[in-house]
């Protein structure tokens, strides 16, 4: 489970932040109200406390395989 992410804000969109965490570029979904608050923080290091959400079903999501 991912509990938090710390990195540099690279770009902010209406509902997401693009965060540079070491060599990884990570997209974090946020509320529209948060995007306004974070807009002045581009280039700054921040920590997001996260909730990991995985979508799919127990059958392997959309992937299909047959032997």
PDB file of N, CA and C in Angstrom:
ATOM      1  N   UNK A   1       0.848  -1.173   0.000  1.00  0.00           N
ATOM      2  CA  UNK A   1       0.000   0.000   0.000  1.00  0.00           C
ATOM      3  C   UNK A   1       0.892   1.235   0.000  1.00  0.00           C
ATOM      4  N   UNK A   2       0.504   2.239  -0.728  1.00  0.00           N
ATOM      5  CA  UNK A   2       1.222   3.515  -0.761  1.00  0.00           C
ATOM      6  C   UNK A   2       0.519   4.456   0.212  1.00  0.00           C
ATOM      7  N   UNK A   3       1.228   4.892   1.258  1.00  0.00           N
ATOM      8  CA  UNK A   3       0.633   5.747   2.280  1.00  0.00           C
ATOM      9  C   UNK A   3       0.893   7.228   2.025  1.00  0.00           C
ATOM     10  N   UNK A   4       2.021   7.543   1.379  1.00  0.00           N
ATOM     11  CA  UNK A   4       2.314   8.944   1.069  1.00  0.00           C
ATOM     12  C   UNK A   4       3.307   9.015  -0.084  1.00  0.00           C
ATOM     13  N   UNK A   5       3.321  10.167  -0.747  1.00  0.00           N
ATOM     14  CA  UNK A   5       4.259  10.453  -1.833  1.00  0.00           C
ATOM     15  C   UNK A   5       4.856  11.828  -1.588  1.00  0.00           C
ATOM     16  N   UNK A   6       6.173  11.932  -1.684  1.00  0.00           N
ATOM     17  CA  UNK A   6       6.845  13.220  -1.551  1.00  0.00           C
ATOM     18  C   UNK A   6       7.619  13.475  -2.830  1.00  0.00           C
ATOM     19  N   UNK A   7       7.389  14.624  -3.424  1.00  0.00           N
ATOM     20  CA  UNK A   7       8.086  14.960  -4.659  1.00  0.00           C
ATOM     21  C   UNK A   7       7.796  16.380  -5.092  1.00  0.00           C
ATOM     22  N   UNK A   8       8.324  16.731  -6.255  1.00  0.00           N
ATOM     23  CA  UNK A   8       8.180  18.075  -6.799  1.00  0.00           C
ATOM     24  C   UNK A   8       6.961  18.156  -7.704  1.00  0.00           C
ATOM     25  N   UNK A   9       6.152  19.180  -7.498  1.00  0.00           N
ATOM     26  CA  UNK A   9       4.994  19.418  -8.359  1.00  0.00           C
ATOM     27  C   UNK A   9       5.507  19.902  -9.711  1.00  0.00           C
ATOM     28  N   UNK A  10       5.193  19.160 -10.764  1.00  0.00           N
ATOM     29  CA  UNK A  10       5.615  19.531 -12.112  1.00  0.00           C
ATOM     30  C   UNK A  10       4.516  20.257 -12.873  1.00  0.00           C
ATOM     31  N   UNK A  11       3.265  19.797 -12.715  1.00  0.00           N
ATOM     32  CA  UNK A  11       2.152  20.390 -13.446  1.00  0.00           C
ATOM     33  C   UNK A  11       0.872  20.138 -12.669  1.00  0.00           C
ATOM     34  N   UNK A  12      -0.051  21.086 -12.760  1.00  0.00           N
ATOM     35  CA  UNK A  12      -1.352  20.944 -12.099  1.00  0.00           C
ATOM     36  C   UNK A  12      -2.445  21.096 -13.139  1.00  0.00           C
ATOM     37  N   UNK A  13      -3.360  20.150 -13.128  1.00  0.00           N
ATOM     38  CA  UNK A  13      -4.543  20.219 -13.975  1.00  0.00           C
ATOM     39  C   UNK A  13      -5.752  20.344 -13.059  1.00  0.00           C
ATOM     40  N   UNK A  14      -6.932  20.443 -13.635  1.00  0.00           N
ATOM     41  CA  UNK A  14      -8.150  20.650 -12.856  1.00  0.00           C
ATOM     42  C   UNK A  14      -8.365  19.579 -11.787  1.00  0.00           C
ATOM     43  N   UNK A  15      -8.056  18.322 -12.136  1.00  0.00           N
ATOM     44  CA  UNK A  15      -8.355  17.234 -11.201  1.00  0.00           C
ATOM     45  C   UNK A  15      -7.155  16.344 -10.900  1.00  0.00           C
ATOM     46  N   UNK A  16      -5.941  16.801 -11.223  1.00  0.00           N
ATOM     47  CA  UNK A  16      -4.753  15.984 -10.966  1.00  0.00           C
ATOM     48  C   UNK A  16      -3.492  16.824 -10.880  1.00  0.00           C
ATOM     49  N   UNK A  17      -2.529  16.269 -10.168  1.00  0.00           N
ATOM     50  CA  UNK A  17      -1.203  16.872 -10.034  1.00  0.00           C
ATOM     51  C   UNK A  17      -0.194  15.892 -10.608  1.00  0.00           C
ATOM     52  N   UNK A  18       0.751  16.399 -11.380  1.00  0.00           N
ATOM     53  CA  UNK A  18       1.853  15.583 -11.883  1.00  0.00           C
ATOM     54  C   UNK A  18       3.031  15.824 -10.946  1.00  0.00           C
ATOM     55  N   UNK A  19       3.451  14.766 -10.272  1.00  0.00           N
ATOM     56  CA  UNK A  19       4.452  14.832  -9.219  1.00  0.00           C
ATOM     57  C   UNK A  19       5.679  14.047  -9.647  1.00  0.00           C
ATOM     58  N   UNK A  20       6.860  14.648  -9.530  1.00  0.00           N
ATOM     59  CA  UNK A  20       8.114  13.950  -9.840  1.00  0.00           C
ATOM     60  C   UNK A  20       8.661  13.388  -8.535  1.00  0.00           C
ATOM     61  N   UNK A  21       8.672  12.068  -8.423  1.00  0.00           N
ATOM     62  CA  UNK A  21       9.153  11.374  -7.228  1.00  0.00           C
ATOM     63  C   UNK A  21      10.379  10.572  -7.652  1.00  0.00           C
ATOM     64  N   UNK A  22      11.562  11.136  -7.428  1.00  0.00           N
ATOM     65  CA  UNK A  22      12.781  10.498  -7.918  1.00  0.00           C
ATOM     66  C   UNK A  22      12.698  10.378  -9.433  1.00  0.00           C
ATOM     67  N   UNK A  23      12.971   9.197  -9.992  1.00  0.00           N
ATOM     68  CA  UNK A  23      12.919   9.028 -11.441  1.00  0.00           C
ATOM     69  C   UNK A  23      11.497   8.798 -11.978  1.00  0.00           C
ATOM     70  N   UNK A  24      10.502   8.739 -11.100  1.00  0.00           N
ATOM     71  CA  UNK A  24       9.129   8.438 -11.511  1.00  0.00           C
ATOM     72  C   UNK A  24       8.283   9.697 -11.621  1.00  0.00           C
ATOM     73  N   UNK A  25       7.483   9.768 -12.662  1.00  0.00           N
ATOM     74  CA  UNK A  25       6.460  10.795 -12.788  1.00  0.00           C
ATOM     75  C   UNK A  25       5.134  10.177 -12.400  1.00  0.00           C
ATOM     76  N   UNK A  26       4.500  10.719 -11.370  1.00  0.00           N
ATOM     77  CA  UNK A  26       3.279  10.120 -10.839  1.00  0.00           C
ATOM     78  C   UNK A  26       2.139  11.123 -10.937  1.00  0.00           C
ATOM     79  N   UNK A  27       0.979  10.633 -11.363  1.00  0.00           N
ATOM     80  CA  UNK A  27      -0.206  11.455 -11.469  1.00  0.00           C
ATOM     81  C   UNK A  27      -1.076  11.180 -10.240  1.00  0.00           C
ATOM     82  N   UNK A  28      -1.406  12.235  -9.499  1.00  0.00           N
ATOM     83  CA  UNK A  28      -2.207  12.113  -8.281  1.00  0.00           C
ATOM     84  C   UNK A  28      -3.520  12.845  -8.510  1.00  0.00           C
ATOM     85  N   UNK A  29      -4.637  12.147  -8.340  1.00  0.00           N
ATOM     86  CA  UNK A  29      -5.940  12.783  -8.509  1.00  0.00           C
ATOM     87  C   UNK A  29      -6.263  13.632  -7.283  1.00  0.00           C
ATOM     88  N   UNK A  30      -6.810  14.837  -7.539  1.00  0.00           N
ATOM     89  CA  UNK A  30      -7.147  15.790  -6.471  1.00  0.00           C
ATOM     90  C   UNK A  30      -8.516  16.402  -6.760  1.00  0.00           C
ATOM     91  N   UNK A  31      -9.040  17.143  -5.800  1.00  0.00           N
ATOM     92  CA  UNK A  31     -10.294  17.873  -6.014  1.00  0.00           C
ATOM     93  C   UNK A  31      -9.998  19.196  -6.704  1.00  0.00           C
ATOM     94  N   UNK A  32     -11.009  19.781  -7.329  1.00  0.00           N
ATOM     95  CA  UNK A  32     -10.837  21.071  -8.004  1.00  0.00           C
ATOM     96  C   UNK A  32     -10.423  22.152  -7.011  1.00  0.00           C
ATOM     97  N   UNK A  33     -10.944  22.093  -5.793  1.00  0.00           N
ATOM     98  CA  UNK A  33     -10.566  23.078  -4.771  1.00  0.00           C
ATOM     99  C   UNK A  33      -9.083  22.966  -4.438  1.00  0.00           C
ATOM    100  N   UNK A  34      -8.560  21.745  -4.388  1.00  0.00           N
ATOM    101  CA  UNK A  34      -7.136  21.560  -4.105  1.00  0.00           C
ATOM    102  C   UNK A  34      -6.264  22.069  -5.237  1.00  0.00           C
ATOM    103  N   UNK A  35      -6.727  21.979  -6.477  1.00  0.00           N
ATOM    104  CA  UNK A  35      -5.917  22.455  -7.602  1.00  0.00           C
ATOM    105  C   UNK A  35      -5.692  23.957  -7.497  1.00  0.00           C
ATOM    106  N   UNK A  36      -6.675  24.693  -7.029  1.00  0.00           N
ATOM    107  CA  UNK A  36      -6.506  26.144  -6.833  1.00  0.00           C
ATOM    108  C   UNK A  36      -5.500  26.425  -5.725  1.00  0.00           C
ATOM    109  N   UNK A  37      -5.566  25.672  -4.641  1.00  0.00           N
ATOM    110  CA  UNK A  37      -4.628  25.871  -3.538  1.00  0.00           C
ATOM    111  C   UNK A  37      -3.195  25.524  -3.926  1.00  0.00           C
ATOM    112  N   UNK A  38      -3.026  24.502  -4.759  1.00  0.00           N
ATOM    113  CA  UNK A  38      -1.693  24.030  -5.126  1.00  0.00           C
ATOM    114  C   UNK A  38      -1.088  24.762  -6.318  1.00  0.00           C
ATOM    115  N   UNK A  39      -1.870  25.569  -7.027  1.00  0.00           N
ATOM    116  CA  UNK A  39      -1.395  26.187  -8.265  1.00  0.00           C
ATOM    117  C   UNK A  39      -0.147  27.046  -8.064  1.00  0.00           C
ATOM    118  N   UNK A  40       0.036  27.643  -6.911  1.00  0.00           N
ATOM    119  CA  UNK A  40       1.227  28.455  -6.645  1.00  0.00           C
ATOM    120  C   UNK A  40       2.433  27.601  -6.290  1.00  0.00           C
ATOM    121  N   UNK A  41       2.238  26.292  -6.152  1.00  0.00           N
ATOM    122  CA  UNK A  41       3.304  25.422  -5.683  1.00  0.00           C
ATOM    123  C   UNK A  41       4.077  24.680  -6.762  1.00  0.00           C
ATOM    124  N   UNK A  42       3.884  25.015  -8.041  1.00  0.00           N
ATOM    125  CA  UNK A  42       4.627  24.338  -9.099  1.00  0.00           C
ATOM    126  C   UNK A  42       6.121  24.553  -8.871  1.00  0.00           C
ATOM    127  N   UNK A  43       6.869  23.452  -8.885  1.00  0.00           N
ATOM    128  CA  UNK A  43       8.307  23.509  -8.618  1.00  0.00           C
ATOM    129  C   UNK A  43       8.660  23.272  -7.160  1.00  0.00           C
ATOM    130  N   UNK A  44       7.677  23.259  -6.292  1.00  0.00           N
ATOM    131  CA  UNK A  44       7.895  23.045  -4.861  1.00  0.00           C
ATOM    132  C   UNK A  44       7.794  21.563  -4.513  1.00  0.00           C
ATOM    133  N   UNK A  45       8.444  21.170  -3.429  1.00  0.00           N
ATOM    134  CA  UNK A  45       8.325  19.800  -2.938  1.00  0.00           C
ATOM    135  C   UNK A  45       7.176  19.727  -1.944  1.00  0.00           C
ATOM    136  N   UNK A  46       6.322  18.738  -2.120  1.00  0.00           N
ATOM    137  CA  UNK A  46       5.172  18.532  -1.239  1.00  0.00           C
ATOM    138  C   UNK A  46       5.055  17.056  -0.887  1.00  0.00           C
ATOM    139  N   UNK A  47       4.274  16.782   0.141  1.00  0.00           N
ATOM    140  CA  UNK A  47       3.942  15.405   0.504  1.00  0.00           C
ATOM    141  C   UNK A  47       2.434  15.242   0.423  1.00  0.00           C
ATOM    142  N   UNK A  48       2.001  14.227  -0.312  1.00  0.00           N
ATOM    143  CA  UNK A  48       0.592  13.856  -0.377  1.00  0.00           C
ATOM    144  C   UNK A  48       0.400  12.589   0.434  1.00  0.00           C
ATOM    145  N   UNK A  49      -0.574  12.608   1.331  1.00  0.00           N
ATOM    146  CA  UNK A  49      -0.978  11.400   2.052  1.00  0.00           C
ATOM    147  C   UNK A  49      -2.093  10.799   1.211  1.00  0.00           C
ATOM    148  N   UNK A  50      -1.929   9.553   0.818  1.00  0.00           N
ATOM    149  CA  UNK A  50      -2.741   9.001  -0.258  1.00  0.00           C
ATOM    150  C   UNK A  50      -3.659   7.869   0.178  1.00  0.00           C
ATOM    151  N   UNK A  51      -4.597   7.601  -0.705  1.00  0.00           N
ATOM    152  CA  UNK A  51      -5.434   6.414  -0.649  1.00  0.00           C
ATOM    153  C   UNK A  51      -5.213   5.710  -1.976  1.00  0.00           C
ATOM    154  N   UNK A  52      -4.743   4.481  -1.939  1.00  0.00           N
ATOM    155  CA  UNK A  52      -4.488   3.728  -3.160  1.00  0.00           C
ATOM    156  C   UNK A  52      -5.791   3.083  -3.616  1.00  0.00           C
ATOM    157  N   UNK A  53      -6.186   3.351  -4.849  1.00  0.00           N
ATOM    158  CA  UNK A  53      -7.426   2.822  -5.394  1.00  0.00           C
ATOM    159  C   UNK A  53      -7.088   1.995  -6.625  1.00  0.00           C
ATOM    160  N   UNK A  54      -7.423   0.734  -6.601  1.00  0.00           N
ATOM    161  CA  UNK A  54      -7.159  -0.157  -7.725  1.00  0.00           C
ATOM    162  C   UNK A  54      -8.495  -0.606  -8.291  1.00  0.00           C
ATOM    163  N   UNK A  55      -8.669  -0.402  -9.576  1.00  0.00           N
ATOM    164  CA  UNK A  55      -9.922  -0.764 -10.226  1.00  0.00           C
ATOM    165  C   UNK A  55      -9.728  -2.038 -11.027  1.00  0.00           C
ATOM    166  N   UNK A  56     -10.711  -2.876 -11.022  1.00  0.00           N
ATOM    167  CA  UNK A  56     -10.648  -4.121 -11.789  1.00  0.00           C
ATOM    168  C   UNK A  56     -11.469  -5.185 -11.092  1.00  0.00           C
ATOM    169  N   UNK A  57     -11.453  -6.375 -11.653  1.00  0.00           N
ATOM    170  CA  UNK A  57     -12.169  -7.473 -11.018  1.00  0.00           C
ATOM    171  C   UNK A  57     -11.194  -8.603 -10.719  1.00  0.00           C
ATOM    172  N   UNK A  58     -11.648  -9.573  -9.985  1.00  0.00           N
ATOM    173  CA  UNK A  58     -10.764 -10.661  -9.575  1.00  0.00           C
ATOM    174  C   UNK A  58     -10.341 -11.546 -10.736  1.00  0.00           C
ATOM    175  N   UNK A  59     -10.972 -11.364 -11.875  1.00  0.00           N
ATOM    176  CA  UNK A  59     -10.636 -12.158 -13.059  1.00  0.00           C
ATOM    177  C   UNK A  59      -9.483 -11.577 -13.864  1.00  0.00           C
ATOM    178  N   UNK A  60      -8.816 -10.552 -13.354  1.00  0.00           N
ATOM    179  CA  UNK A  60      -7.666 -10.002 -14.054  1.00  0.00           C
ATOM    180  C   UNK A  60      -7.957  -8.734 -14.834  1.00  0.00           C
ATOM    181  N   UNK A  61      -9.032  -8.011 -14.475  1.00  0.00           N
ATOM    182  CA  UNK A  61      -9.337  -6.769 -15.174  1.00  0.00           C
ATOM    183  C   UNK A  61      -9.758  -7.029 -16.593  1.00  0.00           C
ATOM    184  N   UNK A  62      -9.221  -6.253 -17.520  1.00  0.00           N
ATOM    185  CA  UNK A  62      -9.611  -6.380 -18.915  1.00  0.00           C
ATOM    186  C   UNK A  62      -8.732  -7.326 -19.711  1.00  0.00           C
ATOM    187  N   UNK A  63      -7.710  -7.882 -19.087  1.00  0.00           N
ATOM    188  CA  UNK A  63      -6.792  -8.756 -19.803  1.00  0.00           C
ATOM    189  C   UNK A  63      -7.402 -10.143 -19.990  1.00  0.00           C
ATOM    190  N   UNK A  64      -7.139 -10.724 -21.145  1.00  0.00           N
ATOM    191  CA  UNK A  64      -7.622 -12.068 -21.415  1.00  0.00           C
ATOM    192  C   UNK A  64      -6.451 -12.933 -21.840  1.00  0.00           C
ATOM    193  N   UNK A  65      -6.456 -14.162 -21.417  1.00  0.00           N
ATOM    194  CA  UNK A  65      -5.387 -15.095 -21.754  1.00  0.00           C
ATOM    195  C   UNK A  65      -5.983 -16.467 -21.921  1.00  0.00           C
ATOM    196  N   UNK A  66      -5.511 -17.171 -22.901  1.00  0.00           N
ATOM    197  CA  UNK A  66      -5.952 -18.559 -23.057  1.00  0.00           C
ATOM    198  C   UNK A  66      -4.749 -19.393 -23.474  1.00  0.00           C
ATOM    199  N   UNK A  67      -4.620 -20.596 -22.907  1.00  0.00           N
ATOM    200  CA  UNK A  67      -3.465 -21.445 -23.209  1.00  0.00           C
ATOM    201  C   UNK A  67      -3.529 -22.040 -24.598  1.00  0.00           C
TER     202      UNK A  67
END
